[in-house]
Amino acid sequence: PVWTAGSDGIVYTVVNDNWRTDKALYHKL
């Protein structure tokens, strides 16, 4: 995962049902 500059969230990837990372998501703490 990669942190945002303000340390208030991360950008990350997940695997789908077929074990494929097809999305990048943003999680705000």
mmCIF file of all heavy atoms, coordinates in Angstrom:
data_MODEL
# 
_entry.id   MODEL 
# 
loop_
_atom_site.group_PDB 
_atom_site.id 
_atom_site.type_symbol 
_atom_site.label_atom_id 
_atom_site.label_alt_id 
_atom_site.label_comp_id 
_atom_site.label_asym_id 
_atom_site.label_entity_id 
_atom_site.label_seq_id 
_atom_site.pdbx_PDB_ins_code 
_atom_site.Cartn_x 
_atom_site.Cartn_y 
_atom_site.Cartn_z 
_atom_site.occupancy 
_atom_site.B_iso_or_equiv 
_atom_site.pdbx_formal_charge 
_atom_site.auth_seq_id 
_atom_site.auth_comp_id 
_atom_site.auth_asym_id 
_atom_site.auth_atom_id 
_atom_site.pdbx_PDB_model_num 
ATOM 1   N N   . PRO A 1 1  ? 0.830   -1.211  0.000   1.00 0.00 ? 1  PRO A N   1 
ATOM 2   C CA  . PRO A 1 1  ? 0.000   0.000   0.000   1.00 0.00 ? 1  PRO A CA  1 
ATOM 3   C C   . PRO A 1 1  ? 0.860   1.255   0.000   1.00 0.00 ? 1  PRO A C   1 
ATOM 4   O O   . PRO A 1 1  ? 2.028   1.227   0.387   1.00 0.00 ? 1  PRO A O   1 
ATOM 5   C CB  . PRO A 1 1  ? -0.800  -0.135  1.299   1.00 0.00 ? 1  PRO A CB  1 
ATOM 6   C CG  . PRO A 1 1  ? 0.073   -0.950  2.195   1.00 0.00 ? 1  PRO A CG  1 
ATOM 7   C CD  . PRO A 1 1  ? 0.816   -1.900  1.297   1.00 0.00 ? 1  PRO A CD  1 
ATOM 8   N N   . VAL A 1 2  ? 0.282   2.359   -0.427  1.00 0.00 ? 2  VAL A N   1 
ATOM 9   C CA  . VAL A 1 2  ? 0.976   3.645   -0.491  1.00 0.00 ? 2  VAL A CA  1 
ATOM 10  C C   . VAL A 1 2  ? 0.197   4.666   0.333   1.00 0.00 ? 2  VAL A C   1 
ATOM 11  O O   . VAL A 1 2  ? -1.022  4.798   0.185   1.00 0.00 ? 2  VAL A O   1 
ATOM 12  C CB  . VAL A 1 2  ? 1.107   4.138   -1.948  1.00 0.00 ? 2  VAL A CB  1 
ATOM 13  C CG1 . VAL A 1 2  ? 1.716   5.530   -1.994  1.00 0.00 ? 2  VAL A CG1 1 
ATOM 14  C CG2 . VAL A 1 2  ? 1.948   3.164   -2.764  1.00 0.00 ? 2  VAL A CG2 1 
ATOM 15  N N   . TRP A 1 3  ? 0.911   5.394   1.187   1.00 0.00 ? 3  TRP A N   1 
ATOM 16  C CA  . TRP A 1 3  ? 0.289   6.421   2.016   1.00 0.00 ? 3  TRP A CA  1 
ATOM 17  C C   . TRP A 1 3  ? 0.112   7.717   1.230   1.00 0.00 ? 3  TRP A C   1 
ATOM 18  O O   . TRP A 1 3  ? 0.923   8.064   0.376   1.00 0.00 ? 3  TRP A O   1 
ATOM 19  C CB  . TRP A 1 3  ? 1.142   6.711   3.248   1.00 0.00 ? 3  TRP A CB  1 
ATOM 20  C CG  . TRP A 1 3  ? 1.038   5.648   4.297   1.00 0.00 ? 3  TRP A CG  1 
ATOM 21  C CD1 . TRP A 1 3  ? 1.835   4.551   4.448   1.00 0.00 ? 3  TRP A CD1 1 
ATOM 22  C CD2 . TRP A 1 3  ? 0.073   5.597   5.343   1.00 0.00 ? 3  TRP A CD2 1 
ATOM 23  N NE1 . TRP A 1 3  ? 1.431   3.806   5.526   1.00 0.00 ? 3  TRP A NE1 1 
ATOM 24  C CE2 . TRP A 1 3  ? 0.345   4.426   6.103   1.00 0.00 ? 3  TRP A CE2 1 
ATOM 25  C CE3 . TRP A 1 3  ? -0.997  6.412   5.730   1.00 0.00 ? 3  TRP A CE3 1 
ATOM 26  C CZ2 . TRP A 1 3  ? -0.409  4.058   7.211   1.00 0.00 ? 3  TRP A CZ2 1 
ATOM 27  C CZ3 . TRP A 1 3  ? -1.761  6.045   6.833   1.00 0.00 ? 3  TRP A CZ3 1 
ATOM 28  C CH2 . TRP A 1 3  ? -1.466  4.880   7.561   1.00 0.00 ? 3  TRP A CH2 1 
ATOM 29  N N   . THR A 1 4  ? -0.943  8.442   1.570   1.00 0.00 ? 4  THR A N   1 
ATOM 30  C CA  . THR A 1 4  ? -1.113  9.794   1.050   1.00 0.00 ? 4  THR A CA  1 
ATOM 31  C C   . THR A 1 4  ? -0.163  10.734  1.779   1.00 0.00 ? 4  THR A C   1 
ATOM 32  O O   . THR A 1 4  ? 0.348   10.423  2.863   1.00 0.00 ? 4  THR A O   1 
ATOM 33  C CB  . THR A 1 4  ? -2.552  10.266  1.253   1.00 0.00 ? 4  THR A CB  1 
ATOM 34  O OG1 . THR A 1 4  ? -2.867  10.227  2.654   1.00 0.00 ? 4  THR A OG1 1 
ATOM 35  C CG2 . THR A 1 4  ? -3.524  9.378   0.493   1.00 0.00 ? 4  THR A CG2 1 
ATOM 36  N N   . ALA A 1 5  ? 0.081   11.902  1.189   1.00 0.00 ? 5  ALA A N   1 
ATOM 37  C CA  . ALA A 1 5  ? 1.045   12.840  1.756   1.00 0.00 ? 5  ALA A CA  1 
ATOM 38  C C   . ALA A 1 5  ? 0.654   13.294  3.151   1.00 0.00 ? 5  ALA A C   1 
ATOM 39  O O   . ALA A 1 5  ? 1.514   13.566  3.995   1.00 0.00 ? 5  ALA A O   1 
ATOM 40  C CB  . ALA A 1 5  ? 1.191   14.052  0.832   1.00 0.00 ? 5  ALA A CB  1 
ATOM 41  N N   . GLY A 1 6  ? -0.647  13.374  3.431   1.00 0.00 ? 6  GLY A N   1 
ATOM 42  C CA  . GLY A 1 6  ? -1.099  13.835  4.733   1.00 0.00 ? 6  GLY A CA  1 
ATOM 43  C C   . GLY A 1 6  ? -1.206  12.773  5.791   1.00 0.00 ? 6  GLY A C   1 
ATOM 44  O O   . GLY A 1 6  ? -1.694  13.049  6.905   1.00 0.00 ? 6  GLY A O   1 
ATOM 45  N N   . SER A 1 7  ? -0.773  11.545  5.497   1.00 0.00 ? 7  SER A N   1 
ATOM 46  C CA  . SER A 1 7  ? -0.818  10.423  6.445   1.00 0.00 ? 7  SER A CA  1 
ATOM 47  C C   . SER A 1 7  ? -2.244  10.104  6.904   1.00 0.00 ? 7  SER A C   1 
ATOM 48  O O   . SER A 1 7  ? -2.441  9.506   7.958   1.00 0.00 ? 7  SER A O   1 
ATOM 49  C CB  . SER A 1 7  ? 0.051   10.711  7.684   1.00 0.00 ? 7  SER A CB  1 
ATOM 50  O OG  . SER A 1 7  ? 1.392   10.913  7.336   1.00 0.00 ? 7  SER A OG  1 
ATOM 51  N N   . ASP A 1 8  ? -3.223  10.491  6.097   1.00 0.00 ? 8  ASP A N   1 
ATOM 52  C CA  . ASP A 1 8  ? -4.612  10.286  6.502   1.00 0.00 ? 8  ASP A CA  1 
ATOM 53  C C   . ASP A 1 8  ? -5.318  9.209   5.696   1.00 0.00 ? 8  ASP A C   1 
ATOM 54  O O   . ASP A 1 8  ? -6.532  9.014   5.824   1.00 0.00 ? 8  ASP A O   1 
ATOM 55  C CB  . ASP A 1 8  ? -5.398  11.594  6.409   1.00 0.00 ? 8  ASP A CB  1 
ATOM 56  C CG  . ASP A 1 8  ? -5.341  12.206  5.012   1.00 0.00 ? 8  ASP A CG  1 
ATOM 57  O OD1 . ASP A 1 8  ? -4.610  11.682  4.155   1.00 0.00 ? 8  ASP A OD1 1 
ATOM 58  O OD2 . ASP A 1 8  ? -6.036  13.223  4.802   1.00 0.00 ? 8  ASP A OD2 1 
ATOM 59  N N   . GLY A 1 9  ? -4.563  8.475   4.858   1.00 0.00 ? 9  GLY A N   1 
ATOM 60  C CA  . GLY A 1 9  ? -5.182  7.417   4.083   1.00 0.00 ? 9  GLY A CA  1 
ATOM 61  C C   . GLY A 1 9  ? -4.155  6.632   3.289   1.00 0.00 ? 9  GLY A C   1 
ATOM 62  O O   . GLY A 1 9  ? -2.982  7.019   3.197   1.00 0.00 ? 9  GLY A O   1 
ATOM 63  N N   . ILE A 1 10 ? -4.601  5.523   2.716   1.00 0.00 ? 10 ILE A N   1 
ATOM 64  C CA  . ILE A 1 10 ? -3.728  4.684   1.890   1.00 0.00 ? 10 ILE A CA  1 
ATOM 65  C C   . ILE A 1 10 ? -4.421  4.356   0.577   1.00 0.00 ? 10 ILE A C   1 
ATOM 66  O O   . ILE A 1 10 ? -5.653  4.301   0.488   1.00 0.00 ? 10 ILE A O   1 
ATOM 67  C CB  . ILE A 1 10 ? -3.327  3.374   2.599   1.00 0.00 ? 10 ILE A CB  1 
ATOM 68  C CG1 . ILE A 1 10 ? -4.562  2.528   2.958   1.00 0.00 ? 10 ILE A CG1 1 
ATOM 69  C CG2 . ILE A 1 10 ? -2.477  3.641   3.832   1.00 0.00 ? 10 ILE A CG2 1 
ATOM 70  C CD1 . ILE A 1 10 ? -4.242  1.130   3.435   1.00 0.00 ? 10 ILE A CD1 1 
ATOM 71  N N   . VAL A 1 11 ? -3.607  4.137   -0.437  1.00 0.00 ? 11 VAL A N   1 
ATOM 72  C CA  . VAL A 1 11 ? -4.058  3.591   -1.709  1.00 0.00 ? 11 VAL A CA  1 
ATOM 73  C C   . VAL A 1 11 ? -3.559  2.153   -1.766  1.00 0.00 ? 11 VAL A C   1 
ATOM 74  O O   . VAL A 1 11 ? -2.393  1.877   -1.464  1.00 0.00 ? 11 VAL A O   1 
ATOM 75  C CB  . VAL A 1 11 ? -3.525  4.417   -2.890  1.00 0.00 ? 11 VAL A CB  1 
ATOM 76  C CG1 . VAL A 1 11 ? -3.965  3.799   -4.211  1.00 0.00 ? 11 VAL A CG1 1 
ATOM 77  C CG2 . VAL A 1 11 ? -4.008  5.855   -2.787  1.00 0.00 ? 11 VAL A CG2 1 
ATOM 78  N N   . TYR A 1 12 ? -4.445  1.222   -2.127  1.00 0.00 ? 12 TYR A N   1 
ATOM 79  C CA  . TYR A 1 12 ? -4.097  -0.199  -2.038  1.00 0.00 ? 12 TYR A CA  1 
ATOM 80  C C   . TYR A 1 12 ? -4.819  -0.981  -3.122  1.00 0.00 ? 12 TYR A C   1 
ATOM 81  O O   . TYR A 1 12 ? -5.725  -0.457  -3.799  1.00 0.00 ? 12 TYR A O   1 
ATOM 82  C CB  . TYR A 1 12 ? -4.453  -0.747  -0.644  1.00 0.00 ? 12 TYR A CB  1 
ATOM 83  C CG  . TYR A 1 12 ? -5.940  -0.762  -0.333  1.00 0.00 ? 12 TYR A CG  1 
ATOM 84  C CD1 . TYR A 1 12 ? -6.685  -1.937  -0.431  1.00 0.00 ? 12 TYR A CD1 1 
ATOM 85  C CD2 . TYR A 1 12 ? -6.609  0.400   0.060   1.00 0.00 ? 12 TYR A CD2 1 
ATOM 86  C CE1 . TYR A 1 12 ? -8.040  -1.952  -0.149  1.00 0.00 ? 12 TYR A CE1 1 
ATOM 87  C CE2 . TYR A 1 12 ? -7.960  0.400   0.353   1.00 0.00 ? 12 TYR A CE2 1 
ATOM 88  C CZ  . TYR A 1 12 ? -8.679  -0.787  0.241   1.00 0.00 ? 12 TYR A CZ  1 
ATOM 89  O OH  . TYR A 1 12 ? -10.032 -0.797  0.517   1.00 0.00 ? 12 TYR A OH  1 
ATOM 90  N N   . THR A 1 13 ? -4.420  -2.224  -3.303  1.00 0.00 ? 13 THR A N   1 
ATOM 91  C CA  . THR A 1 13 ? -5.058  -3.116  -4.274  1.00 0.00 ? 13 THR A CA  1 
ATOM 92  C C   . THR A 1 13 ? -5.538  -4.378  -3.575  1.00 0.00 ? 13 THR A C   1 
ATOM 93  O O   . THR A 1 13 ? -4.994  -4.790  -2.548  1.00 0.00 ? 13 THR A O   1 
ATOM 94  C CB  . THR A 1 13 ? -4.091  -3.505  -5.406  1.00 0.00 ? 13 THR A CB  1 
ATOM 95  O OG1 . THR A 1 13 ? -2.903  -4.072  -4.836  1.00 0.00 ? 13 THR A OG1 1 
ATOM 96  C CG2 . THR A 1 13 ? -3.714  -2.298  -6.245  1.00 0.00 ? 13 THR A CG2 1 
ATOM 97  N N   . VAL A 1 14 ? -6.567  -4.978  -4.137  1.00 0.00 ? 14 VAL A N   1 
ATOM 98  C CA  . VAL A 1 14 ? -7.118  -6.230  -3.606  1.00 0.00 ? 14 VAL A CA  1 
ATOM 99  C C   . VAL A 1 14 ? -7.269  -7.227  -4.751  1.00 0.00 ? 14 VAL A C   1 
ATOM 100 O O   . VAL A 1 14 ? -7.336  -6.847  -5.923  1.00 0.00 ? 14 VAL A O   1 
ATOM 101 C CB  . VAL A 1 14 ? -8.483  -6.016  -2.919  1.00 0.00 ? 14 VAL A CB  1 
ATOM 102 C CG1 . VAL A 1 14 ? -8.351  -5.143  -1.686  1.00 0.00 ? 14 VAL A CG1 1 
ATOM 103 C CG2 . VAL A 1 14 ? -9.503  -5.414  -3.882  1.00 0.00 ? 14 VAL A CG2 1 
ATOM 104 N N   . VAL A 1 15 ? -7.326  -8.519  -4.399  1.00 0.00 ? 15 VAL A N   1 
ATOM 105 C CA  . VAL A 1 15 ? -7.573  -9.549  -5.399  1.00 0.00 ? 15 VAL A CA  1 
ATOM 106 C C   . VAL A 1 15 ? -9.075  -9.815  -5.487  1.00 0.00 ? 15 VAL A C   1 
ATOM 107 O O   . VAL A 1 15 ? -9.787  -9.772  -4.485  1.00 0.00 ? 15 VAL A O   1 
ATOM 108 C CB  . VAL A 1 15 ? -6.809  -10.853 -5.077  1.00 0.00 ? 15 VAL A CB  1 
ATOM 109 C CG1 . VAL A 1 15 ? -5.319  -10.644 -5.178  1.00 0.00 ? 15 VAL A CG1 1 
ATOM 110 C CG2 . VAL A 1 15 ? -7.174  -11.388 -3.701  1.00 0.00 ? 15 VAL A CG2 1 
ATOM 111 N N   . ASN A 1 16 ? -9.533  -10.096 -6.698  1.00 0.00 ? 16 ASN A N   1 
ATOM 112 C CA  . ASN A 1 16 ? -10.929 -10.478 -6.864  1.00 0.00 ? 16 ASN A CA  1 
ATOM 113 C C   . ASN A 1 16 ? -11.078 -11.978 -6.676  1.00 0.00 ? 16 ASN A C   1 
ATOM 114 O O   . ASN A 1 16 ? -10.138 -12.665 -6.235  1.00 0.00 ? 16 ASN A O   1 
ATOM 115 C CB  . ASN A 1 16 ? -11.455 -10.010 -8.226  1.00 0.00 ? 16 ASN A CB  1 
ATOM 116 C CG  . ASN A 1 16 ? -10.675 -10.614 -9.392  1.00 0.00 ? 16 ASN A CG  1 
ATOM 117 O OD1 . ASN A 1 16 ? -9.965  -11.614 -9.256  1.00 0.00 ? 16 ASN A OD1 1 
ATOM 118 N ND2 . ASN A 1 16 ? -10.791 -9.987  -10.559 1.00 0.00 ? 16 ASN A ND2 1 
ATOM 119 N N   . ASP A 1 17 ? -12.232 -12.521 -7.012  1.00 0.00 ? 17 ASP A N   1 
ATOM 120 C CA  . ASP A 1 17 ? -12.472 -13.947 -6.791  1.00 0.00 ? 17 ASP A CA  1 
ATOM 121 C C   . ASP A 1 17 ? -11.552 -14.823 -7.621  1.00 0.00 ? 17 ASP A C   1 
ATOM 122 O O   . ASP A 1 17 ? -11.374 -16.006 -7.313  1.00 0.00 ? 17 ASP A O   1 
ATOM 123 C CB  . ASP A 1 17 ? -13.942 -14.290 -7.106  1.00 0.00 ? 17 ASP A CB  1 
ATOM 124 C CG  . ASP A 1 17 ? -14.904 -13.697 -6.102  1.00 0.00 ? 17 ASP A CG  1 
ATOM 125 O OD1 . ASP A 1 17 ? -14.449 -13.351 -4.993  1.00 0.00 ? 17 ASP A OD1 1 
ATOM 126 O OD2 . ASP A 1 17 ? -16.099 -13.566 -6.422  1.00 0.00 ? 17 ASP A OD2 1 
ATOM 127 N N   . ASN A 1 18 ? -10.972 -14.263 -8.655  1.00 0.00 ? 18 ASN A N   1 
ATOM 128 C CA  . ASN A 1 18 ? -10.074 -15.020 -9.516  1.00 0.00 ? 18 ASN A CA  1 
ATOM 129 C C   . ASN A 1 18 ? -8.611  -14.679 -9.254  1.00 0.00 ? 18 ASN A C   1 
ATOM 130 O O   . ASN A 1 18 ? -7.765  -14.848 -10.123 1.00 0.00 ? 18 ASN A O   1 
ATOM 131 C CB  . ASN A 1 18 ? -10.416 -14.760 -10.993 1.00 0.00 ? 18 ASN A CB  1 
ATOM 132 C CG  . ASN A 1 18 ? -10.050 -15.926 -11.877 1.00 0.00 ? 18 ASN A CG  1 
ATOM 133 O OD1 . ASN A 1 18 ? -10.048 -17.071 -11.433 1.00 0.00 ? 18 ASN A OD1 1 
ATOM 134 N ND2 . ASN A 1 18 ? -9.732  -15.653 -13.119 1.00 0.00 ? 18 ASN A ND2 1 
ATOM 135 N N   . TRP A 1 19 ? -8.325  -14.179 -8.035  1.00 0.00 ? 19 TRP A N   1 
ATOM 136 C CA  . TRP A 1 19 ? -6.961  -13.853 -7.609  1.00 0.00 ? 19 TRP A CA  1 
ATOM 137 C C   . TRP A 1 19 ? -6.277  -12.927 -8.609  1.00 0.00 ? 19 TRP A C   1 
ATOM 138 O O   . TRP A 1 19 ? -5.166  -13.147 -9.054  1.00 0.00 ? 19 TRP A O   1 
ATOM 139 C CB  . TRP A 1 19 ? -6.134  -15.124 -7.398  1.00 0.00 ? 19 TRP A CB  1 
ATOM 140 C CG  . TRP A 1 19 ? -4.907  -14.883 -6.568  1.00 0.00 ? 19 TRP A CG  1 
ATOM 141 C CD1 . TRP A 1 19 ? -4.846  -14.589 -5.239  1.00 0.00 ? 19 TRP A CD1 1 
ATOM 142 C CD2 . TRP A 1 19 ? -3.547  -14.884 -7.018  1.00 0.00 ? 19 TRP A CD2 1 
ATOM 143 N NE1 . TRP A 1 19 ? -3.544  -14.409 -4.829  1.00 0.00 ? 19 TRP A NE1 1 
ATOM 144 C CE2 . TRP A 1 19 ? -2.724  -14.588 -5.904  1.00 0.00 ? 19 TRP A CE2 1 
ATOM 145 C CE3 . TRP A 1 19 ? -2.941  -15.098 -8.244  1.00 0.00 ? 19 TRP A CE3 1 
ATOM 146 C CZ2 . TRP A 1 19 ? -1.347  -14.518 -5.981  1.00 0.00 ? 19 TRP A CZ2 1 
ATOM 147 C CZ3 . TRP A 1 19 ? -1.559  -15.026 -8.327  1.00 0.00 ? 19 TRP A CZ3 1 
ATOM 148 C CH2 . TRP A 1 19 ? -0.774  -14.746 -7.203  1.00 0.00 ? 19 TRP A CH2 1 
ATOM 149 N N   . ARG A 1 20 ? -6.981  -11.854 -8.940  1.00 0.00 ? 20 ARG A N   1 
ATOM 150 C CA  . ARG A 1 20 ? -6.453  -10.868 -9.868  1.00 0.00 ? 20 ARG A CA  1 
ATOM 151 C C   . ARG A 1 20 ? -6.678  -9.484  -9.267  1.00 0.00 ? 20 ARG A C   1 
ATOM 152 O O   . ARG A 1 20 ? -7.794  -9.149  -8.867  1.00 0.00 ? 20 ARG A O   1 
ATOM 153 C CB  . ARG A 1 20 ? -7.160  -10.991 -11.214 1.00 0.00 ? 20 ARG A CB  1 
ATOM 154 C CG  . ARG A 1 20 ? -6.809  -9.919  -12.233 1.00 0.00 ? 20 ARG A CG  1 
ATOM 155 C CD  . ARG A 1 20 ? -7.451  -10.231 -13.587 1.00 0.00 ? 20 ARG A CD  1 
ATOM 156 N NE  . ARG A 1 20 ? -7.401  -9.067  -14.470 1.00 0.00 ? 20 ARG A NE  1 
ATOM 157 C CZ  . ARG A 1 20 ? -8.447  -8.315  -14.761 1.00 0.00 ? 20 ARG A CZ  1 
ATOM 158 N NH1 . ARG A 1 20 ? -9.642  -8.609  -14.258 1.00 0.00 ? 20 ARG A NH1 1 
ATOM 159 N NH2 . ARG A 1 20 ? -8.325  -7.279  -15.569 1.00 0.00 ? 20 ARG A NH2 1 
ATOM 160 N N   . THR A 1 21 ? -5.623  -8.703  -9.180  1.00 0.00 ? 21 THR A N   1 
ATOM 161 C CA  . THR A 1 21 ? -5.768  -7.339  -8.681  1.00 0.00 ? 21 THR A CA  1 
ATOM 162 C C   . THR A 1 21 ? -6.237  -6.454  -9.833  1.00 0.00 ? 21 THR A C   1 
ATOM 163 O O   . THR A 1 21 ? -5.463  -6.098  -10.715 1.00 0.00 ? 21 THR A O   1 
ATOM 164 C CB  . THR A 1 21 ? -4.436  -6.808  -8.110  1.00 0.00 ? 21 THR A CB  1 
ATOM 165 O OG1 . THR A 1 21 ? -3.411  -6.945  -9.092  1.00 0.00 ? 21 THR A OG1 1 
ATOM 166 C CG2 . THR A 1 21 ? -4.035  -7.573  -6.861  1.00 0.00 ? 21 THR A CG2 1 
ATOM 167 N N   . ASP A 1 22 ? -7.515  -6.109  -9.816  1.00 0.00 ? 22 ASP A N   1 
ATOM 168 C CA  . ASP A 1 22 ? -8.077  -5.336  -10.919 1.00 0.00 ? 22 ASP A CA  1 
ATOM 169 C C   . ASP A 1 22 ? -8.508  -3.940  -10.503 1.00 0.00 ? 22 ASP A C   1 
ATOM 170 O O   . ASP A 1 22 ? -9.038  -3.194  -11.326 1.00 0.00 ? 22 ASP A O   1 
ATOM 171 C CB  . ASP A 1 22 ? -9.262  -6.079  -11.544 1.00 0.00 ? 22 ASP A CB  1 
ATOM 172 C CG  . ASP A 1 22 ? -10.384 -6.355  -10.553 1.00 0.00 ? 22 ASP A CG  1 
ATOM 173 O OD1 . ASP A 1 22 ? -10.192 -6.136  -9.347  1.00 0.00 ? 22 ASP A OD1 1 
ATOM 174 O OD2 . ASP A 1 22 ? -11.468 -6.802  -10.991 1.00 0.00 ? 22 ASP A OD2 1 
ATOM 175 N N   . LYS A 1 23 ? -8.279  -3.572  -9.237  1.00 0.00 ? 23 LYS A N   1 
ATOM 176 C CA  . LYS A 1 23 ? -8.710  -2.261  -8.754  1.00 0.00 ? 23 LYS A CA  1 
ATOM 177 C C   . LYS A 1 23 ? -7.648  -1.656  -7.841  1.00 0.00 ? 23 LYS A C   1 
ATOM 178 O O   . LYS A 1 23 ? -6.956  -2.364  -7.109  1.00 0.00 ? 23 LYS A O   1 
ATOM 179 C CB  . LYS A 1 23 ? -10.007 -2.364  -7.946  1.00 0.00 ? 23 LYS A CB  1 
ATOM 180 C CG  . LYS A 1 23 ? -11.228 -2.885  -8.677  1.00 0.00 ? 23 LYS A CG  1 
ATOM 181 C CD  . LYS A 1 23 ? -12.428 -2.888  -7.729  1.00 0.00 ? 23 LYS A CD  1 
ATOM 182 C CE  . LYS A 1 23 ? -13.650 -3.508  -8.386  1.00 0.00 ? 23 LYS A CE  1 
ATOM 183 N NZ  . LYS A 1 23 ? -13.463 -4.978  -8.539  1.00 0.00 ? 23 LYS A NZ  1 
ATOM 184 N N   . ALA A 1 24 ? -7.563  -0.323  -7.879  1.00 0.00 ? 24 ALA A N   1 
ATOM 185 C CA  . ALA A 1 24 ? -6.843  0.444   -6.870  1.00 0.00 ? 24 ALA A CA  1 
ATOM 186 C C   . ALA A 1 24 ? -7.873  1.265   -6.108  1.00 0.00 ? 24 ALA A C   1 
ATOM 187 O O   . ALA A 1 24 ? -8.695  1.961   -6.715  1.00 0.00 ? 24 ALA A O   1 
ATOM 188 C CB  . ALA A 1 24 ? -5.805  1.358   -7.512  1.00 0.00 ? 24 ALA A CB  1 
ATOM 189 N N   . LEU A 1 25 ? -7.844  1.157   -4.785  1.00 0.00 ? 25 LEU A N   1 
ATOM 190 C CA  . LEU A 1 25 ? -8.829  1.826   -3.944  1.00 0.00 ? 25 LEU A CA  1 
ATOM 191 C C   . LEU A 1 25 ? -8.146  2.805   -3.000  1.00 0.00 ? 25 LEU A C   1 
ATOM 192 O O   . LEU A 1 25 ? -6.954  2.677   -2.697  1.00 0.00 ? 25 LEU A O   1 
ATOM 193 C CB  . LEU A 1 25 ? -9.636  0.803   -3.123  1.00 0.00 ? 25 LEU A CB  1 
ATOM 194 C CG  . LEU A 1 25 ? -10.399 -0.268  -3.899  1.00 0.00 ? 25 LEU A CG  1 
ATOM 195 C CD1 . LEU A 1 25 ? -9.574  -1.542  -3.993  1.00 0.00 ? 25 LEU A CD1 1 
ATOM 196 C CD2 . LEU A 1 25 ? -11.737 -0.565  -3.227  1.00 0.00 ? 25 LEU A CD2 1 
ATOM 197 N N   . TYR A 1 26 ? -8.927  3.743   -2.512  1.00 0.00 ? 26 TYR A N   1 
ATOM 198 C CA  . TYR A 1 26 ? -8.430  4.710   -1.533  1.00 0.00 ? 26 TYR A CA  1 
ATOM 199 C C   . TYR A 1 26 ? -9.206  4.531   -0.238  1.00 0.00 ? 26 TYR A C   1 
ATOM 200 O O   . TYR A 1 26 ? -10.445 4.545   -0.226  1.00 0.00 ? 26 TYR A O   1 
ATOM 201 C CB  . TYR A 1 26 ? -8.597  6.129   -2.046  1.00 0.00 ? 26 TYR A CB  1 
ATOM 202 C CG  . TYR A 1 26 ? -8.396  7.198   -0.989  1.00 0.00 ? 26 TYR A CG  1 
ATOM 203 C CD1 . TYR A 1 26 ? -7.180  7.305   -0.302  1.00 0.00 ? 26 TYR A CD1 1 
ATOM 204 C CD2 . TYR A 1 26 ? -9.412  8.087   -0.659  1.00 0.00 ? 26 TYR A CD2 1 
ATOM 205 C CE1 . TYR A 1 26 ? -6.998  8.276   0.677   1.00 0.00 ? 26 TYR A CE1 1 
ATOM 206 C CE2 . TYR A 1 26 ? -9.233  9.068   0.312   1.00 0.00 ? 26 TYR A CE2 1 
ATOM 207 C CZ  . TYR A 1 26 ? -8.021  9.151   0.976   1.00 0.00 ? 26 TYR A CZ  1 
ATOM 208 O OH  . TYR A 1 26 ? -7.842  10.097  1.947   1.00 0.00 ? 26 TYR A OH  1 
ATOM 209 N N   . HIS A 1 27 ? -8.464  4.352   0.860   1.00 0.00 ? 27 HIS A N   1 
ATOM 210 C CA  . HIS A 1 27 ? -9.098  4.265   2.181   1.00 0.00 ? 27 HIS A CA  1 
ATOM 211 C C   . HIS A 1 27 ? -8.696  5.476   3.019   1.00 0.00 ? 27 HIS A C   1 
ATOM 212 O O   . HIS A 1 27 ? -7.510  5.671   3.298   1.00 0.00 ? 27 HIS A O   1 
ATOM 213 C CB  . HIS A 1 27 ? -8.696  2.986   2.916   1.00 0.00 ? 27 HIS A CB  1 
ATOM 214 C CG  . HIS A 1 27 ? -9.253  2.923   4.303   1.00 0.00 ? 27 HIS A CG  1 
ATOM 215 N ND1 . HIS A 1 27 ? -10.588 2.672   4.543   1.00 0.00 ? 27 HIS A ND1 1 
ATOM 216 C CD2 . HIS A 1 27 ? -8.673  3.110   5.528   1.00 0.00 ? 27 HIS A CD2 1 
ATOM 217 C CE1 . HIS A 1 27 ? -10.808 2.694   5.846   1.00 0.00 ? 27 HIS A CE1 1 
ATOM 218 N NE2 . HIS A 1 27 ? -9.672  2.966   6.465   1.00 0.00 ? 27 HIS A NE2 1 
ATOM 219 N N   . LYS A 1 28 ? -9.672  6.270   3.392   1.00 0.00 ? 28 LYS A N   1 
ATOM 220 C CA  . LYS A 1 28 ? -9.435  7.375   4.319   1.00 0.00 ? 28 LYS A CA  1 
ATOM 221 C C   . LYS A 1 28 ? -9.604  6.843   5.733   1.00 0.00 ? 28 LYS A C   1 
ATOM 222 O O   . LYS A 1 28 ? -10.599 6.186   6.052   1.00 0.00 ? 28 LYS A O   1 
ATOM 223 C CB  . LYS A 1 28 ? -10.418 8.509   4.066   1.00 0.00 ? 28 LYS A CB  1 
ATOM 224 C CG  . LYS A 1 28 ? -10.156 9.752   4.926   1.00 0.00 ? 28 LYS A CG  1 
ATOM 225 C CD  . LYS A 1 28 ? -11.065 10.898  4.547   1.00 0.00 ? 28 LYS A CD  1 
ATOM 226 C CE  . LYS A 1 28 ? -10.836 12.111  5.439   1.00 0.00 ? 28 LYS A CE  1 
ATOM 227 N NZ  . LYS A 1 28 ? -9.451  12.614  5.371   1.00 0.00 ? 28 LYS A NZ  1 
ATOM 228 N N   . LEU A 1 29 ? -8.601  7.084   6.561   1.00 0.00 ? 29 LEU A N   1 
ATOM 229 C CA  . LEU A 1 29 ? -8.621  6.535   7.911   1.00 0.00 ? 29 LEU A CA  1 
ATOM 230 C C   . LEU A 1 29 ? -9.898  6.929   8.642   1.00 0.00 ? 29 LEU A C   1 
ATOM 231 O O   . LEU A 1 29 ? -10.363 8.073   8.549   1.00 0.00 ? 29 LEU A O   1 
ATOM 232 C CB  . LEU A 1 29 ? -7.400  7.010   8.691   1.00 0.00 ? 29 LEU A CB  1 
ATOM 233 C CG  . LEU A 1 29 ? -6.022  6.622   8.138   1.00 0.00 ? 29 LEU A CG  1 
ATOM 234 C CD1 . LEU A 1 29 ? -4.920  7.057   9.096   1.00 0.00 ? 29 LEU A CD1 1 
ATOM 235 C CD2 . LEU A 1 29 ? -5.928  5.131   7.868   1.00 0.00 ? 29 LEU A CD2 1 
# 
